[in-house]
Amino acid sequence: MRACRRCHILTDKTTCPYCGEPTSEHWQGYLVVVKPEESIIAEKMKIKMPGKYALKVR
């Protein structure tokens, strides 16, 4: 798995399918967001859509 450097979404691709930024293999933490409109963590991370996210990306 790789994580986008900008939006932190997890993907298998070398570029993010949502924002087009390069992805990194160096990430930590795993977050699954089901209802971003009801999640305080999603609000703090500025996540707008459901999915799997990394907490920290290098």
PDB file of N, CA and C in Angstrom:
ATOM      1  N   MET A   1       0.836  -1.187   0.000  1.00  0.00           N
ATOM      2  CA  MET A   1       0.000   0.000   0.000  1.00  0.00           C
ATOM      3  C   MET A   1       0.882   1.252   0.000  1.00  0.00           C
ATOM      4  N   ARG A   2       0.356   2.287  -0.618  1.00  0.00           N
ATOM      5  CA  ARG A   2       1.033   3.581  -0.681  1.00  0.00           C
ATOM      6  C   ARG A   2       0.047   4.632  -0.186  1.00  0.00           C
ATOM      7  N   ALA A   3       0.553   5.747   0.309  1.00  0.00           N
ATOM      8  CA  ALA A   3      -0.292   6.825   0.816  1.00  0.00           C
ATOM      9  C   ALA A   3       0.006   8.124   0.073  1.00  0.00           C
ATOM     10  N   CYS A   4      -1.038   8.863  -0.235  1.00  0.00           N
ATOM     11  CA  CYS A   4      -0.882  10.158  -0.904  1.00  0.00           C
ATOM     12  C   CYS A   4      -0.233  11.147   0.060  1.00  0.00           C
ATOM     13  N   ARG A   5       0.710  11.912  -0.441  1.00  0.00           N
ATOM     14  CA  ARG A   5       1.404  12.886   0.401  1.00  0.00           C
ATOM     15  C   ARG A   5       0.524  14.073   0.764  1.00  0.00           C
ATOM     16  N   ARG A   6      -0.493  14.373  -0.036  1.00  0.00           N
ATOM     17  CA  ARG A   6      -1.364  15.519   0.244  1.00  0.00           C
ATOM     18  C   ARG A   6      -2.607  15.116   1.037  1.00  0.00           C
ATOM     19  N   CYS A   7      -3.389  14.162   0.515  1.00  0.00           N
ATOM     20  CA  CYS A   7      -4.669  13.845   1.160  1.00  0.00           C
ATOM     21  C   CYS A   7      -4.631  12.598   2.045  1.00  0.00           C
ATOM     22  N   HIS A   8      -3.514  11.872   2.065  1.00  0.00           N
ATOM     23  CA  HIS A   8      -3.254  10.724   2.936  1.00  0.00           C
ATOM     24  C   HIS A   8      -4.078   9.484   2.616  1.00  0.00           C
ATOM     25  N   ILE A   9      -4.839   9.472   1.522  1.00  0.00           N
ATOM     26  CA  ILE A   9      -5.621   8.286   1.181  1.00  0.00           C
ATOM     27  C   ILE A   9      -4.692   7.159   0.766  1.00  0.00           C
ATOM     28  N   LEU A  10      -5.060   5.919   1.117  1.00  0.00           N
ATOM     29  CA  LEU A  10      -4.245   4.757   0.781  1.00  0.00           C
ATOM     30  C   LEU A  10      -4.659   4.205  -0.583  1.00  0.00           C
ATOM     31  N   THR A  11      -3.657   3.855  -1.384  1.00  0.00           N
ATOM     32  CA  THR A  11      -3.882   3.348  -2.733  1.00  0.00           C
ATOM     33  C   THR A  11      -2.727   2.443  -3.131  1.00  0.00           C
ATOM     34  N   ASP A  12      -2.879   1.735  -4.228  1.00  0.00           N
ATOM     35  CA  ASP A  12      -1.798   0.905  -4.759  1.00  0.00           C
ATOM     36  C   ASP A  12      -1.025   1.629  -5.859  1.00  0.00           C
ATOM     37  N   LYS A  13      -1.483   2.784  -6.275  1.00  0.00           N
ATOM     38  CA  LYS A  13      -0.902   3.509  -7.412  1.00  0.00           C
ATOM     39  C   LYS A  13       0.233   4.447  -6.974  1.00  0.00           C
ATOM     40  N   THR A  14       1.071   4.857  -7.931  1.00  0.00           N
ATOM     41  CA  THR A  14       2.185   5.761  -7.626  1.00  0.00           C
ATOM     42  C   THR A  14       1.743   7.224  -7.599  1.00  0.00           C
ATOM     43  N   THR A  15       0.564   7.508  -8.152  1.00  0.00           N
ATOM     44  CA  THR A  15      -0.023   8.848  -8.037  1.00  0.00           C
ATOM     45  C   THR A  15      -1.433   8.703  -7.481  1.00  0.00           C
ATOM     46  N   CYS A  16      -1.863   9.680  -6.717  1.00  0.00           N
ATOM     47  CA  CYS A  16      -3.175   9.654  -6.076  1.00  0.00           C
ATOM     48  C   CYS A  16      -4.283   9.748  -7.133  1.00  0.00           C
ATOM     49  N   PRO A  17      -5.273   8.851  -7.074  1.00  0.00           N
ATOM     50  CA  PRO A  17      -6.363   8.908  -8.054  1.00  0.00           C
ATOM     51  C   PRO A  17      -7.307  10.088  -7.842  1.00  0.00           C
ATOM     52  N   TYR A  18      -7.220  10.753  -6.698  1.00  0.00           N
ATOM     53  CA  TYR A  18      -8.126  11.861  -6.385  1.00  0.00           C
ATOM     54  C   TYR A  18      -7.500  13.232  -6.597  1.00  0.00           C
ATOM     55  N   CYS A  19      -6.264  13.417  -6.123  1.00  0.00           N
ATOM     56  CA  CYS A  19      -5.667  14.759  -6.239  1.00  0.00           C
ATOM     57  C   CYS A  19      -4.461  14.800  -7.183  1.00  0.00           C
ATOM     58  N   GLY A  20      -3.955  13.631  -7.635  1.00  0.00           N
ATOM     59  CA  GLY A  20      -2.870  13.596  -8.598  1.00  0.00           C
ATOM     60  C   GLY A  20      -1.474  13.754  -8.023  1.00  0.00           C
ATOM     61  N   GLU A  21      -1.349  13.888  -6.716  1.00  0.00           N
ATOM     62  CA  GLU A  21      -0.039  14.023  -6.072  1.00  0.00           C
ATOM     63  C   GLU A  21       0.677  12.670  -6.029  1.00  0.00           C
ATOM     64  N   PRO A  22       2.009  12.673  -5.928  1.00  0.00           N
ATOM     65  CA  PRO A  22       2.735  11.406  -5.799  1.00  0.00           C
ATOM     66  C   PRO A  22       2.432  10.730  -4.469  1.00  0.00           C
ATOM     67  N   THR A  23       2.508   9.403  -4.465  1.00  0.00           N
ATOM     68  CA  THR A  23       2.281   8.647  -3.234  1.00  0.00           C
ATOM     69  C   THR A  23       3.606   8.166  -2.668  1.00  0.00           C
ATOM     70  N   SER A  24       3.574   7.737  -1.419  1.00  0.00           N
ATOM     71  CA  SER A  24       4.777   7.302  -0.727  1.00  0.00           C
ATOM     72  C   SER A  24       4.541   5.938  -0.088  1.00  0.00           C
ATOM     73  N   GLU A  25       5.597   5.129  -0.047  1.00  0.00           N
ATOM     74  CA  GLU A  25       5.530   3.851   0.662  1.00  0.00           C
ATOM     75  C   GLU A  25       5.795   4.029   2.157  1.00  0.00           C
ATOM     76  N   HIS A  26       6.227   5.209   2.562  1.00  0.00           N
ATOM     77  CA  HIS A  26       6.603   5.487   3.946  1.00  0.00           C
ATOM     78  C   HIS A  26       5.467   6.209   4.665  1.00  0.00           C
ATOM     79  N   TRP A  27       4.631   5.435   5.340  1.00  0.00           N
ATOM     80  CA  TRP A  27       3.514   6.010   6.075  1.00  0.00           C
ATOM     81  C   TRP A  27       3.292   5.214   7.360  1.00  0.00           C
ATOM     82  N   GLN A  28       2.574   5.830   8.301  1.00  0.00           N
ATOM     83  CA  GLN A  28       2.295   5.189   9.586  1.00  0.00           C
ATOM     84  C   GLN A  28       0.849   5.438   9.979  1.00  0.00           C
ATOM     85  N   GLY A  29       0.300   4.505  10.720  1.00  0.00           N
ATOM     86  CA  GLY A  29      -1.060   4.636  11.226  1.00  0.00           C
ATOM     87  C   GLY A  29      -2.085   4.326  10.148  1.00  0.00           C
ATOM     88  N   TYR A  30      -3.233   3.828  10.563  1.00  0.00           N
ATOM     89  CA  TYR A  30      -4.266   3.401   9.634  1.00  0.00           C
ATOM     90  C   TYR A  30      -5.606   3.893  10.159  1.00  0.00           C
ATOM     91  N   LEU A  31      -6.338   4.587   9.321  1.00  0.00           N
ATOM     92  CA  LEU A  31      -7.624   5.153   9.718  1.00  0.00           C
ATOM     93  C   LEU A  31      -8.650   4.817   8.651  1.00  0.00           C
ATOM     94  N   VAL A  32      -9.788   4.273   9.064  1.00  0.00           N
ATOM     95  CA  VAL A  32     -10.893   4.007   8.141  1.00  0.00           C
ATOM     96  C   VAL A  32     -12.012   4.985   8.489  1.00  0.00           C
ATOM     97  N   VAL A  33     -12.406   5.779   7.508  1.00  0.00           N
ATOM     98  CA  VAL A  33     -13.474   6.762   7.701  1.00  0.00           C
ATOM     99  C   VAL A  33     -14.709   6.270   6.955  1.00  0.00           C
ATOM    100  N   VAL A  34     -15.805   6.078   7.696  1.00  0.00           N
ATOM    101  CA  VAL A  34     -17.049   5.610   7.104  1.00  0.00           C
ATOM    102  C   VAL A  34     -17.996   6.783   6.853  1.00  0.00           C
ATOM    103  N   LYS A  35     -18.142   7.640   7.860  1.00  0.00           N
ATOM    104  CA  LYS A  35     -19.018   8.812   7.748  1.00  0.00           C
ATOM    105  C   LYS A  35     -18.214  10.069   8.080  1.00  0.00           C
ATOM    106  N   PRO A  36     -17.528  10.651   7.100  1.00  0.00           N
ATOM    107  CA  PRO A  36     -16.659  11.801   7.378  1.00  0.00           C
ATOM    108  C   PRO A  36     -17.416  13.010   7.917  1.00  0.00           C
ATOM    109  N   GLU A  37     -18.681  13.165   7.567  1.00  0.00           N
ATOM    110  CA  GLU A  37     -19.452  14.314   8.044  1.00  0.00           C
ATOM    111  C   GLU A  37     -19.774  14.213   9.534  1.00  0.00           C
ATOM    112  N   GLU A  38     -19.645  13.021  10.126  1.00  0.00           N
ATOM    113  CA  GLU A  38     -19.930  12.819  11.549  1.00  0.00           C
ATOM    114  C   GLU A  38     -18.665  12.578  12.378  1.00  0.00           C
ATOM    115  N   SER A  39     -17.504  12.575  11.751  1.00  0.00           N
ATOM    116  CA  SER A  39     -16.259  12.225  12.427  1.00  0.00           C
ATOM    117  C   SER A  39     -15.443  13.466  12.803  1.00  0.00           C
ATOM    118  N   ILE A  40     -15.084  13.558  14.068  1.00  0.00           N
ATOM    119  CA  ILE A  40     -14.242  14.669  14.531  1.00  0.00           C
ATOM    120  C   ILE A  40     -12.829  14.512  13.984  1.00  0.00           C
ATOM    121  N   ILE A  41     -12.335  13.277  13.923  1.00  0.00           N
ATOM    122  CA  ILE A  41     -10.993  13.036  13.382  1.00  0.00           C
ATOM    123  C   ILE A  41     -10.943  13.406  11.905  1.00  0.00           C
ATOM    124  N   ALA A  42     -11.965  13.021  11.146  1.00  0.00           N
ATOM    125  CA  ALA A  42     -12.018  13.377   9.724  1.00  0.00           C
ATOM    126  C   ALA A  42     -12.062  14.890   9.554  1.00  0.00           C
ATOM    127  N   GLU A  43     -12.764  15.572  10.417  1.00  0.00           N
ATOM    128  CA  GLU A  43     -12.828  17.038  10.355  1.00  0.00           C
ATOM    129  C   GLU A  43     -11.448  17.644  10.593  1.00  0.00           C
ATOM    130  N   LYS A  44     -10.728  17.146  11.595  1.00  0.00           N
ATOM    131  CA  LYS A  44      -9.396  17.679  11.902  1.00  0.00           C
ATOM    132  C   LYS A  44      -8.401  17.378  10.779  1.00  0.00           C
ATOM    133  N   MET A  45      -8.559  16.228  10.094  1.00  0.00           N
ATOM    134  CA  MET A  45      -7.662  15.872   8.992  1.00  0.00           C
ATOM    135  C   MET A  45      -8.153  16.415   7.654  1.00  0.00           C
ATOM    136  N   LYS A  46      -9.292  17.104   7.662  1.00  0.00           N
ATOM    137  CA  LYS A  46      -9.898  17.689   6.456  1.00  0.00           C
ATOM    138  C   LYS A  46     -10.249  16.614   5.423  1.00  0.00           C
ATOM    139  N   ILE A  47     -10.786  15.495   5.914  1.00  0.00           N
ATOM    140  CA  ILE A  47     -11.217  14.393   5.052  1.00  0.00           C
ATOM    141  C   ILE A  47     -12.684  14.605   4.712  1.00  0.00           C
ATOM    142  N   LYS A  48     -12.997  14.566   3.432  1.00  0.00           N
ATOM    143  CA  LYS A  48     -14.361  14.824   2.963  1.00  0.00           C
ATOM    144  C   LYS A  48     -15.071  13.584   2.429  1.00  0.00           C
ATOM    145  N   MET A  49     -14.334  12.489   2.154  1.00  0.00           N
ATOM    146  CA  MET A  49     -14.977  11.305   1.597  1.00  0.00           C
ATOM    147  C   MET A  49     -14.544  10.042   2.337  1.00  0.00           C
ATOM    148  N   PRO A  50     -15.414   9.026   2.370  1.00  0.00           N
ATOM    149  CA  PRO A  50     -15.077   7.775   3.056  1.00  0.00           C
ATOM    150  C   PRO A  50     -13.897   7.078   2.394  1.00  0.00           C
ATOM    151  N   GLY A  51     -13.150   6.337   3.185  1.00  0.00           N
ATOM    152  CA  GLY A  51     -12.021   5.588   2.636  1.00  0.00           C
ATOM    153  C   GLY A  51     -11.020   5.202   3.698  1.00  0.00           C
ATOM    154  N   LYS A  52      -9.883   4.668   3.251  1.00  0.00           N
ATOM    155  CA  LYS A  52      -8.786   4.257   4.123  1.00  0.00           C
ATOM    156  C   LYS A  52      -7.690   5.307   4.020  1.00  0.00           C
ATOM    157  N   TYR A  53      -7.186   5.756   5.167  1.00  0.00           N
ATOM    158  CA  TYR A  53      -6.216   6.847   5.205  1.00  0.00           C
ATOM    159  C   TYR A  53      -5.045   6.508   6.109  1.00  0.00           C
ATOM    160  N   ALA A  54      -3.891   7.111   5.807  1.00  0.00           N
ATOM    161  CA  ALA A  54      -2.710   7.017   6.657  1.00  0.00           C
ATOM    162  C   ALA A  54      -2.713   8.210   7.603  1.00  0.00           C
ATOM    163  N   LEU A  55      -2.262   8.023   8.822  1.00  0.00           N
ATOM    164  CA  LEU A  55      -2.196   9.129   9.777  1.00  0.00           C
ATOM    165  C   LEU A  55      -0.974  10.006   9.537  1.00  0.00           C
ATOM    166  N   LYS A  56       0.147   9.374   9.135  1.00  0.00           N
ATOM    167  CA  LYS A  56       1.391  10.127   8.911  1.00  0.00           C
ATOM    168  C   LYS A  56       2.042   9.632   7.619  1.00  0.00           C
ATOM    169  N   VAL A  57       2.415  10.560   6.755  1.00  0.00           N
ATOM    170  CA  VAL A  57       3.067  10.214   5.486  1.00  0.00           C
ATOM    171  C   VAL A  57       4.382  10.973   5.382  1.00  0.00           C
ATOM    172  N   ARG A  58       5.460  10.269   5.011  1.00  0.00           N
ATOM    173  CA  ARG A  58       6.756  10.918   4.792  1.00  0.00           C
ATOM    174  C   ARG A  58       7.106  10.878   3.341  1.00  0.00           C
TER     175      ARG A  58
END
